[in-house]
Amino acid sequence: YGGLMVTEDGIKTIEFNARFGDPEAEVILCRLESDFLQAILD
């Protein structure tokens, strides 16, 4: 997970996380039309 910011000096990193974001998971994964498990296995 990249927590990021678009600044006047370009994109900067606010933080990294080692897992899916919450509440991002809920709004991102509901938009995925392809096979989630197959993507992980690939």
All heavy atoms as atom14 arrays in JSON, in Angstrom:
{
  "sequence": "YGGLMVTEDGIKTIEFNARFGDPEAEVILCRLESDFLQAILD",
  "atom14_mask": [
    [1, 1, 1, 1, 1, 1, 1, 1, 1, 1, 1, 1, 0, 0],
    [1, 1, 1, 1, 0, 0, 0, 0, 0, 0, 0, 0, 0, 0],
    [1, 1, 1, 1, 0, 0, 0, 0, 0, 0, 0, 0, 0, 0],
    [1, 1, 1, 1, 1, 1, 1, 1, 0, 0, 0, 0, 0, 0],
    [1, 1, 1, 1, 1, 1, 1, 1, 0, 0, 0, 0, 0, 0],
    [1, 1, 1, 1, 1, 1, 1, 0, 0, 0, 0, 0, 0, 0],
    [1, 1, 1, 1, 1, 1, 1, 0, 0, 0, 0, 0, 0, 0],
    [1, 1, 1, 1, 1, 1, 1, 1, 1, 0, 0, 0, 0, 0],
    [1, 1, 1, 1, 1, 1, 1, 1, 0, 0, 0, 0, 0, 0],
    [1, 1, 1, 1, 0, 0, 0, 0, 0, 0, 0, 0, 0, 0],
    [1, 1, 1, 1, 1, 1, 1, 1, 0, 0, 0, 0, 0, 0],
    [1, 1, 1, 1, 1, 1, 1, 1, 1, 0, 0, 0, 0, 0],
    [1, 1, 1, 1, 1, 1, 1, 0, 0, 0, 0, 0, 0, 0],
    [1, 1, 1, 1, 1, 1, 1, 1, 0, 0, 0, 0, 0, 0],
    [1, 1, 1, 1, 1, 1, 1, 1, 1, 0, 0, 0, 0, 0],
    [1, 1, 1, 1, 1, 1, 1, 1, 1, 1, 1, 0, 0, 0],
    [1, 1, 1, 1, 1, 1, 1, 1, 0, 0, 0, 0, 0, 0],
    [1, 1, 1, 1, 1, 0, 0, 0, 0, 0, 0, 0, 0, 0],
    [1, 1, 1, 1, 1, 1, 1, 1, 1, 1, 1, 0, 0, 0],
    [1, 1, 1, 1, 1, 1, 1, 1, 1, 1, 1, 0, 0, 0],
    [1, 1, 1, 1, 0, 0, 0, 0, 0, 0, 0, 0, 0, 0],
    [1, 1, 1, 1, 1, 1, 1, 1, 0, 0, 0, 0, 0, 0],
    [1, 1, 1, 1, 1, 1, 1, 0, 0, 0, 0, 0, 0, 0],
    [1, 1, 1, 1, 1, 1, 1, 1, 1, 0, 0, 0, 0, 0],
    [1, 1, 1, 1, 1, 0, 0, 0, 0, 0, 0, 0, 0, 0],
    [1, 1, 1, 1, 1, 1, 1, 1, 1, 0, 0, 0, 0, 0],
    [1, 1, 1, 1, 1, 1, 1, 0, 0, 0, 0, 0, 0, 0],
    [1, 1, 1, 1, 1, 1, 1, 1, 0, 0, 0, 0, 0, 0],
    [1, 1, 1, 1, 1, 1, 1, 1, 0, 0, 0, 0, 0, 0],
    [1, 1, 1, 1, 1, 1, 0, 0, 0, 0, 0, 0, 0, 0],
    [1, 1, 1, 1, 1, 1, 1, 1, 1, 1, 1, 0, 0, 0],
    [1, 1, 1, 1, 1, 1, 1, 1, 0, 0, 0, 0, 0, 0],
    [1, 1, 1, 1, 1, 1, 1, 1, 1, 0, 0, 0, 0, 0],
    [1, 1, 1, 1, 1, 1, 0, 0, 0, 0, 0, 0, 0, 0],
    [1, 1, 1, 1, 1, 1, 1, 1, 0, 0, 0, 0, 0, 0],
    [1, 1, 1, 1, 1, 1, 1, 1, 1, 1, 1, 0, 0, 0],
    [1, 1, 1, 1, 1, 1, 1, 1, 0, 0, 0, 0, 0, 0],
    [1, 1, 1, 1, 1, 1, 1, 1, 1, 0, 0, 0, 0, 0],
    [1, 1, 1, 1, 1, 0, 0, 0, 0, 0, 0, 0, 0, 0],
    [1, 1, 1, 1, 1, 1, 1, 1, 0, 0, 0, 0, 0, 0],
    [1, 1, 1, 1, 1, 1, 1, 1, 0, 0, 0, 0, 0, 0],
    [1, 1, 1, 1, 1, 1, 1, 1, 0, 0, 0, 0, 0, 0]
  ],
  "atom14_positions": [
    [[0.85, -1.19, 0.0], [0.0, 0.0, 0.0], [0.88, 1.23, 0.0], [1.73, 1.4, 0.89], [-0.88, -0.04, 1.26], [-1.7, 1.19, 1.57], [-3.08, 1.15, 1.48], [-1.11, 2.37, 1.99], [-3.86, 2.26, 1.8], [-1.87, 3.49, 2.32], [-3.24, 3.43, 2.21], [-3.99, 4.52, 2.53], [0.0, 0.0, 0.0], [0.0, 0.0, 0.0]],
    [[0.67, 2.1, -0.98], [1.32, 3.39, -0.98], [0.33, 4.49, -0.64], [-0.64, 4.69, -1.36], [0.0, 0.0, 0.0], [0.0, 0.0, 0.0], [0.0, 0.0, 0.0], [0.0, 0.0, 0.0], [0.0, 0.0, 0.0], [0.0, 0.0, 0.0], [0.0, 0.0, 0.0], [0.0, 0.0, 0.0], [0.0, 0.0, 0.0], [0.0, 0.0, 0.0]],
    [[0.56, 5.17, 0.49], [-0.2, 6.37, 0.82], [0.56, 7.55, 0.24], [1.71, 7.81, 0.64], [0.0, 0.0, 0.0], [0.0, 0.0, 0.0], [0.0, 0.0, 0.0], [0.0, 0.0, 0.0], [0.0, 0.0, 0.0], [0.0, 0.0, 0.0], [0.0, 0.0, 0.0], [0.0, 0.0, 0.0], [0.0, 0.0, 0.0], [0.0, 0.0, 0.0]],
    [[-0.02, 8.27, -0.71], [0.73, 9.18, -1.57], [0.1, 10.57, -1.61], [-1.08, 10.73, -1.31], [0.81, 8.59, -2.98], [1.34, 7.15, -3.01], [0.83, 6.4, -4.21], [2.85, 7.14, -2.96], [0.0, 0.0, 0.0], [0.0, 0.0, 0.0], [0.0, 0.0, 0.0], [0.0, 0.0, 0.0], [0.0, 0.0, 0.0], [0.0, 0.0, 0.0]],
    [[0.91, 11.55, -2.02], [0.4, 12.91, -2.14], [1.0, 13.58, -3.37], [2.21, 13.52, -3.59], [0.72, 13.73, -0.89], [0.17, 15.15, -0.95], [0.54, 16.1, 0.53], [-0.66, 15.44, 1.69], [0.0, 0.0, 0.0], [0.0, 0.0, 0.0], [0.0, 0.0, 0.0], [0.0, 0.0, 0.0], [0.0, 0.0, 0.0], [0.0, 0.0, 0.0]],
    [[0.13, 14.21, -4.16], [0.58, 15.04, -5.28], [0.86, 16.43, -4.73], [-0.06, 17.13, -4.29], [-0.49, 15.11, -6.38], [0.05, 15.9, -7.58], [-0.92, 13.71, -6.83], [0.0, 0.0, 0.0], [0.0, 0.0, 0.0], [0.0, 0.0, 0.0], [0.0, 0.0, 0.0], [0.0, 0.0, 0.0], [0.0, 0.0, 0.0], [0.0, 0.0, 0.0]],
    [[2.13, 16.82, -4.72], [2.53, 18.13, -4.2], [3.06, 19.0, -5.35], [3.22, 18.53, -6.48], [3.64, 17.99, -3.13], [4.88, 17.68, -3.79], [3.32, 16.9, -2.13], [0.0, 0.0, 0.0], [0.0, 0.0, 0.0], [0.0, 0.0, 0.0], [0.0, 0.0, 0.0], [0.0, 0.0, 0.0], [0.0, 0.0, 0.0], [0.0, 0.0, 0.0]],
    [[3.36, 20.24, -5.04], [3.95, 21.13, -6.05], [5.3, 20.63, -6.51], [5.76, 20.94, -7.61], [4.1, 22.55, -5.46], [2.78, 23.29, -5.31], [2.97, 24.7, -4.81], [4.12, 25.06, -4.45], [1.97, 25.45, -4.78], [0.0, 0.0, 0.0], [0.0, 0.0, 0.0], [0.0, 0.0, 0.0], [0.0, 0.0, 0.0], [0.0, 0.0, 0.0]],
    [[5.97, 19.81, -5.66], [7.28, 19.26, -6.0], [7.21, 17.83, -6.51], [8.2, 17.1, -6.47], [8.19, 19.31, -4.76], [8.39, 20.73, -4.26], [8.53, 21.64, -5.1], [8.39, 20.92, -3.03], [0.0, 0.0, 0.0], [0.0, 0.0, 0.0], [0.0, 0.0, 0.0], [0.0, 0.0, 0.0], [0.0, 0.0, 0.0], [0.0, 0.0, 0.0]],
    [[6.02, 17.41, -6.97], [5.87, 16.05, -7.48], [5.2, 15.14, -6.46], [4.77, 15.58, -5.39], [0.0, 0.0, 0.0], [0.0, 0.0, 0.0], [0.0, 0.0, 0.0], [0.0, 0.0, 0.0], [0.0, 0.0, 0.0], [0.0, 0.0, 0.0], [0.0, 0.0, 0.0], [0.0, 0.0, 0.0], [0.0, 0.0, 0.0], [0.0, 0.0, 0.0]],
    [[5.11, 13.85, -6.79], [4.43, 12.89, -5.92], [5.38, 12.47, -4.79], [6.53, 12.11, -5.03], [3.96, 11.66, -6.72], [2.93, 12.1, -7.78], [3.33, 10.62, -5.79], [2.48, 11.01, -8.7], [0.0, 0.0, 0.0], [0.0, 0.0, 0.0], [0.0, 0.0, 0.0], [0.0, 0.0, 0.0], [0.0, 0.0, 0.0], [0.0, 0.0, 0.0]],
    [[4.87, 12.53, -3.57], [5.65, 12.15, -2.39], [4.94, 11.02, -1.64], [3.72, 10.9, -1.68], [5.81, 13.34, -1.43], [6.53, 14.55, -2.04], [8.02, 14.33, -2.14], [8.74, 15.55, -2.69], [8.93, 16.6, -1.69], [0.0, 0.0, 0.0], [0.0, 0.0, 0.0], [0.0, 0.0, 0.0], [0.0, 0.0, 0.0], [0.0, 0.0, 0.0]],
    [[5.74, 10.22, -0.94], [5.2, 9.12, -0.14], [4.88, 9.6, 1.26], [5.75, 10.16, 1.94], [6.22, 7.97, -0.04], [6.74, 7.69, -1.33], [5.57, 6.72, 0.54], [0.0, 0.0, 0.0], [0.0, 0.0, 0.0], [0.0, 0.0, 0.0], [0.0, 0.0, 0.0], [0.0, 0.0, 0.0], [0.0, 0.0, 0.0], [0.0, 0.0, 0.0]],
    [[3.64, 9.41, 1.67], [3.27, 9.69, 3.06], [3.6, 8.48, 3.93], [4.17, 8.6, 5.01], [1.77, 10.02, 3.16], [1.43, 11.24, 2.31], [1.37, 10.27, 4.62], [-0.05, 11.48, 2.15], [0.0, 0.0, 0.0], [0.0, 0.0, 0.0], [0.0, 0.0, 0.0], [0.0, 0.0, 0.0], [0.0, 0.0, 0.0], [0.0, 0.0, 0.0]],
    [[3.24, 7.28, 3.43], [3.5, 6.05, 4.19], [3.37, 4.85, 3.28], [2.77, 4.91, 2.2], [2.49, 5.92, 5.34], [1.05, 5.75, 4.86], [0.04, 5.56, 5.99], [0.46, 5.42, 7.14], [-1.17, 5.53, 5.68], [0.0, 0.0, 0.0], [0.0, 0.0, 0.0], [0.0, 0.0, 0.0], [0.0, 0.0, 0.0], [0.0, 0.0, 0.0]],
    [[3.96, 3.74, 3.72], [3.71, 2.44, 3.13], [3.01, 1.57, 4.16], [3.28, 1.67, 5.36], [5.02, 1.75, 2.73], [5.64, 2.29, 1.48], [6.74, 3.12, 1.53], [5.13, 1.95, 0.23], [7.33, 3.62, 0.38], [5.7, 2.45, -0.94], [6.81, 3.28, -0.86], [0.0, 0.0, 0.0], [0.0, 0.0, 0.0], [0.0, 0.0, 0.0]],
    [[2.1, 0.74, 3.69], [1.5, -0.3, 4.53], [1.76, -1.66, 3.9], [1.96, -1.76, 2.68], [0.0, -0.08, 4.71], [-0.29, 1.14, 5.58], [0.47, 1.48, 6.48], [-1.39, 1.82, 5.29], [0.0, 0.0, 0.0], [0.0, 0.0, 0.0], [0.0, 0.0, 0.0], [0.0, 0.0, 0.0], [0.0, 0.0, 0.0], [0.0, 0.0, 0.0]],
    [[1.72, -2.69, 4.74], [2.07, -4.05, 4.29], [0.84, -4.88, 3.97], [0.93, -6.1, 3.89], [2.91, -4.74, 5.37], [0.0, 0.0, 0.0], [0.0, 0.0, 0.0], [0.0, 0.0, 0.0], [0.0, 0.0, 0.0], [0.0, 0.0, 0.0], [0.0, 0.0, 0.0], [0.0, 0.0, 0.0], [0.0, 0.0, 0.0], [0.0, 0.0, 0.0]],
    [[-0.3, -4.21, 3.76], [-1.56, -4.93, 3.52], [-2.51, -4.01, 2.75], [-2.22, -2.84, 2.54], [-2.18, -5.39, 4.83], [-2.07, -4.4, 6.01], [-2.91, -3.19, 5.91], [-2.59, -2.16, 6.88], [-3.22, -1.0, 6.93], [-4.21, -0.73, 6.11], [-2.88, -0.09, 7.82], [0.0, 0.0, 0.0], [0.0, 0.0, 0.0], [0.0, 0.0, 0.0]],
    [[-3.64, -4.57, 2.35], [-4.65, -3.78, 1.65], [-5.17, -2.69, 2.59], [-5.27, -2.88, 3.79], [-5.82, -4.68, 1.24], [-6.35, -4.4, -0.15], [-6.3, -5.36, -1.13], [-6.89, -3.16, -0.47], [-6.78, -5.11, -2.41], [-7.39, -2.89, -1.73], [-7.33, -3.88, -2.71], [0.0, 0.0, 0.0], [0.0, 0.0, 0.0], [0.0, 0.0, 0.0]],
    [[-5.52, -1.55, 2.04], [-6.09, -0.48, 2.84], [-7.54, -0.78, 3.2], [-8.22, -1.56, 2.55], [0.0, 0.0, 0.0], [0.0, 0.0, 0.0], [0.0, 0.0, 0.0], [0.0, 0.0, 0.0], [0.0, 0.0, 0.0], [0.0, 0.0, 0.0], [0.0, 0.0, 0.0], [0.0, 0.0, 0.0], [0.0, 0.0, 0.0], [0.0, 0.0, 0.0]],
    [[-7.97, -0.15, 4.29], [-9.36, -0.25, 4.72], [-9.77, 1.16, 5.14], [-9.22, 1.67, 6.12], [-9.46, -1.22, 5.91], [-10.87, -1.53, 6.33], [-11.8, -0.95, 5.74], [-11.05, -2.35, 7.24], [0.0, 0.0, 0.0], [0.0, 0.0, 0.0], [0.0, 0.0, 0.0], [0.0, 0.0, 0.0], [0.0, 0.0, 0.0], [0.0, 0.0, 0.0]],
    [[-10.58, 1.88, 4.39], [-11.69, 1.4, 3.56], [-11.44, 1.31, 2.06], [-12.39, 1.17, 1.29], [-12.77, 2.45, 3.84], [-11.97, 3.72, 4.0], [-10.69, 3.32, 4.68], [0.0, 0.0, 0.0], [0.0, 0.0, 0.0], [0.0, 0.0, 0.0], [0.0, 0.0, 0.0], [0.0, 0.0, 0.0], [0.0, 0.0, 0.0], [0.0, 0.0, 0.0]],
    [[-10.18, 1.34, 1.61], [-9.94, 1.25, 0.16], [-10.35, -0.09, -0.43], [-10.85, -0.16, -1.56], [-8.46, 1.51, -0.16], [-8.01, 2.94, 0.08], [-7.4, 3.15, 1.45], [-7.67, 2.32, 2.35], [-6.67, 4.14, 1.62], [0.0, 0.0, 0.0], [0.0, 0.0, 0.0], [0.0, 0.0, 0.0], [0.0, 0.0, 0.0], [0.0, 0.0, 0.0]],
    [[-10.14, -1.18, 0.31], [-10.46, -2.51, -0.22], [-11.91, -2.6, -0.67], [-12.23, -3.2, -1.71], [-10.18, -3.58, 0.84], [0.0, 0.0, 0.0], [0.0, 0.0, 0.0], [0.0, 0.0, 0.0], [0.0, 0.0, 0.0], [0.0, 0.0, 0.0], [0.0, 0.0, 0.0], [0.0, 0.0, 0.0], [0.0, 0.0, 0.0], [0.0, 0.0, 0.0]],
    [[-12.8, -1.99, 0.11], [-14.23, -2.1, -0.17], [-14.61, -1.42, -1.49], [-15.51, -1.89, -2.19], [-15.03, -1.49, 0.97], [-14.93, -2.26, 2.29], [-13.81, -1.79, 3.19], [-12.72, -1.44, 2.68], [-13.97, -1.8, 4.42], [0.0, 0.0, 0.0], [0.0, 0.0, 0.0], [0.0, 0.0, 0.0], [0.0, 0.0, 0.0], [0.0, 0.0, 0.0]],
    [[-13.95, -0.3, -1.83], [-14.32, 0.43, -3.05], [-13.5, -0.01, -4.26], [-13.93, 0.18, -5.4], [-14.22, 1.96, -2.87], [-15.23, 2.44, -1.83], [-12.81, 2.41, -2.53], [0.0, 0.0, 0.0], [0.0, 0.0, 0.0], [0.0, 0.0, 0.0], [0.0, 0.0, 0.0], [0.0, 0.0, 0.0], [0.0, 0.0, 0.0], [0.0, 0.0, 0.0]],
    [[-12.33, -0.6, -4.04], [-11.49, -1.05, -5.16], [-11.94, -2.44, -5.64], [-12.18, -2.66, -6.83], [-10.01, -1.07, -4.77], [-9.48, 0.35, -4.55], [-9.17, -1.77, -5.85], [-8.08, 0.43, -3.97], [0.0, 0.0, 0.0], [0.0, 0.0, 0.0], [0.0, 0.0, 0.0], [0.0, 0.0, 0.0], [0.0, 0.0, 0.0], [0.0, 0.0, 0.0]],
    [[-12.06, -3.38, -4.72], [-12.33, -4.77, -5.13], [-13.71, -4.96, -5.73], [-13.91, -5.85, -6.55], [-12.11, -5.71, -3.95], [-10.64, -5.86, -3.51], [-10.53, -6.71, -2.25], [-9.8, -6.44, -4.64], [0.0, 0.0, 0.0], [0.0, 0.0, 0.0], [0.0, 0.0, 0.0], [0.0, 0.0, 0.0], [0.0, 0.0, 0.0], [0.0, 0.0, 0.0]],
    [[-14.68, -4.12, -5.35], [-16.02, -4.25, -5.95], [-16.01, -3.81, -7.42], [-16.97, -4.08, -8.15], [-17.07, -3.48, -5.16], [-16.93, -1.69, -5.26], [0.0, 0.0, 0.0], [0.0, 0.0, 0.0], [0.0, 0.0, 0.0], [0.0, 0.0, 0.0], [0.0, 0.0, 0.0], [0.0, 0.0, 0.0], [0.0, 0.0, 0.0], [0.0, 0.0, 0.0]],
    [[-14.95, -3.15, -7.87], [-14.83, -2.73, -9.27], [-14.07, -3.74, -10.12], [-14.0, -3.6, -11.35], [-14.12, -1.38, -9.36], [-14.9, -0.23, -8.72], [-14.22, 1.12, -8.95], [-14.05, 1.35, -10.38], [-12.9, 1.67, -10.95], [-11.8, 1.82, -10.24], [-12.84, 1.87, -12.25], [0.0, 0.0, 0.0], [0.0, 0.0, 0.0], [0.0, 0.0, 0.0]],
    [[-13.48, -4.75, -9.49], [-12.69, -5.75, -10.23], [-13.61, -6.77, -10.9], [-14.4, -7.43, -10.23], [-11.73, -6.46, -9.27], [-10.8, -7.5, -9.89], [-9.82, -6.85, -10.87], [-10.04, -8.26, -8.8], [0.0, 0.0, 0.0], [0.0, 0.0, 0.0], [0.0, 0.0, 0.0], [0.0, 0.0, 0.0], [0.0, 0.0, 0.0], [0.0, 0.0, 0.0]],
    [[-13.52, -6.87, -12.22], [-14.36, -7.81, -12.97], [-13.64, -9.11, -13.29], [-14.28, -10.12, -13.58], [-14.86, -7.15, -14.26], [-15.83, -6.0, -14.0], [-16.42, -5.43, -15.27], [-15.77, -5.53, -16.33], [-17.53, -4.86, -15.2], [0.0, 0.0, 0.0], [0.0, 0.0, 0.0], [0.0, 0.0, 0.0], [0.0, 0.0, 0.0], [0.0, 0.0, 0.0]],
    [[-12.31, -9.12, -13.26], [-11.55, -10.34, -13.53], [-11.39, -11.14, -12.24], [-11.8, -10.72, -11.16], [-10.2, -10.0, -14.16], [-9.53, -9.01, -13.41], [0.0, 0.0, 0.0], [0.0, 0.0, 0.0], [0.0, 0.0, 0.0], [0.0, 0.0, 0.0], [0.0, 0.0, 0.0], [0.0, 0.0, 0.0], [0.0, 0.0, 0.0], [0.0, 0.0, 0.0]],
    [[-10.78, -12.31, -12.35], [-10.68, -13.28, -11.26], [-9.62, -12.86, -10.24], [-8.43, -12.85, -10.53], [-10.34, -14.66, -11.86], [-10.45, -15.79, -10.87], [-10.12, -15.59, -9.69], [-10.84, -16.9, -11.29], [0.0, 0.0, 0.0], [0.0, 0.0, 0.0], [0.0, 0.0, 0.0], [0.0, 0.0, 0.0], [0.0, 0.0, 0.0], [0.0, 0.0, 0.0]],
    [[-10.06, -12.54, -9.03], [-9.16, -12.07, -7.98], [-8.16, -13.15, -7.57], [-6.96, -12.88, -7.43], [-10.02, -11.64, -6.78], [-9.24, -11.12, -5.6], [-8.34, -10.08, -5.74], [-9.45, -11.65, -4.33], [-7.64, -9.58, -4.64], [-8.77, -11.15, -3.23], [-7.86, -10.12, -3.38], [0.0, 0.0, 0.0], [0.0, 0.0, 0.0], [0.0, 0.0, 0.0]],
    [[-8.64, -14.36, -7.35], [-7.73, -15.44, -6.94], [-6.71, -15.76, -8.02], [-5.54, -15.98, -7.72], [-8.52, -16.7, -6.57], [-9.38, -16.64, -5.31], [-10.01, -18.0, -5.03], [-8.55, -16.19, -4.1], [0.0, 0.0, 0.0], [0.0, 0.0, 0.0], [0.0, 0.0, 0.0], [0.0, 0.0, 0.0], [0.0, 0.0, 0.0], [0.0, 0.0, 0.0]],
    [[-7.15, -15.76, -9.28], [-6.22, -16.04, -10.36], [-5.12, -14.97, -10.43], [-3.96, -15.28, -10.69], [-6.95, -16.11, -11.7], [-6.09, -16.59, -12.87], [-5.53, -17.99, -12.65], [-6.29, -18.94, -12.46], [-4.22, -18.12, -12.63], [0.0, 0.0, 0.0], [0.0, 0.0, 0.0], [0.0, 0.0, 0.0], [0.0, 0.0, 0.0], [0.0, 0.0, 0.0]],
    [[-5.5, -13.72, -10.18], [-4.52, -12.63, -10.18], [-3.47, -12.86, -9.1], [-2.26, -12.68, -9.34], [-5.23, -11.29, -9.96], [0.0, 0.0, 0.0], [0.0, 0.0, 0.0], [0.0, 0.0, 0.0], [0.0, 0.0, 0.0], [0.0, 0.0, 0.0], [0.0, 0.0, 0.0], [0.0, 0.0, 0.0], [0.0, 0.0, 0.0], [0.0, 0.0, 0.0]],
    [[-3.9, -13.25, -7.9], [-2.95, -13.52, -6.81], [-2.04, -14.69, -7.17], [-0.81, -14.62, -6.99], [-3.7, -13.79, -5.5], [-4.33, -12.5, -4.97], [-2.77, -14.4, -4.44], [-5.21, -12.69, -3.74], [0.0, 0.0, 0.0], [0.0, 0.0, 0.0], [0.0, 0.0, 0.0], [0.0, 0.0, 0.0], [0.0, 0.0, 0.0], [0.0, 0.0, 0.0]],
    [[-2.62, -15.76, -7.71], [-1.82, -16.93, -8.08], [-0.81, -16.58, -9.18], [0.35, -17.03, -9.13], [-2.72, -18.07, -8.54], [-3.65, -18.66, -7.47], [-4.6, -19.69, -8.08], [-2.86, -19.29, -6.33], [0.0, 0.0, 0.0], [0.0, 0.0, 0.0], [0.0, 0.0, 0.0], [0.0, 0.0, 0.0], [0.0, 0.0, 0.0], [0.0, 0.0, 0.0]],
    [[-1.24, -15.79, -10.15], [-0.32, -15.36, -11.22], [0.87, -14.61, -10.63], [2.02, -14.88, -10.97], [-1.05, -14.47, -12.24], [-1.97, -15.25, -13.16], [-1.86, -16.49, -13.21], [-2.81, -14.61, -13.83], [0.0, 0.0, 0.0], [0.0, 0.0, 0.0], [0.0, 0.0, 0.0], [0.0, 0.0, 0.0], [0.0, 0.0, 0.0], [0.0, 0.0, 0.0]]
  ]
}
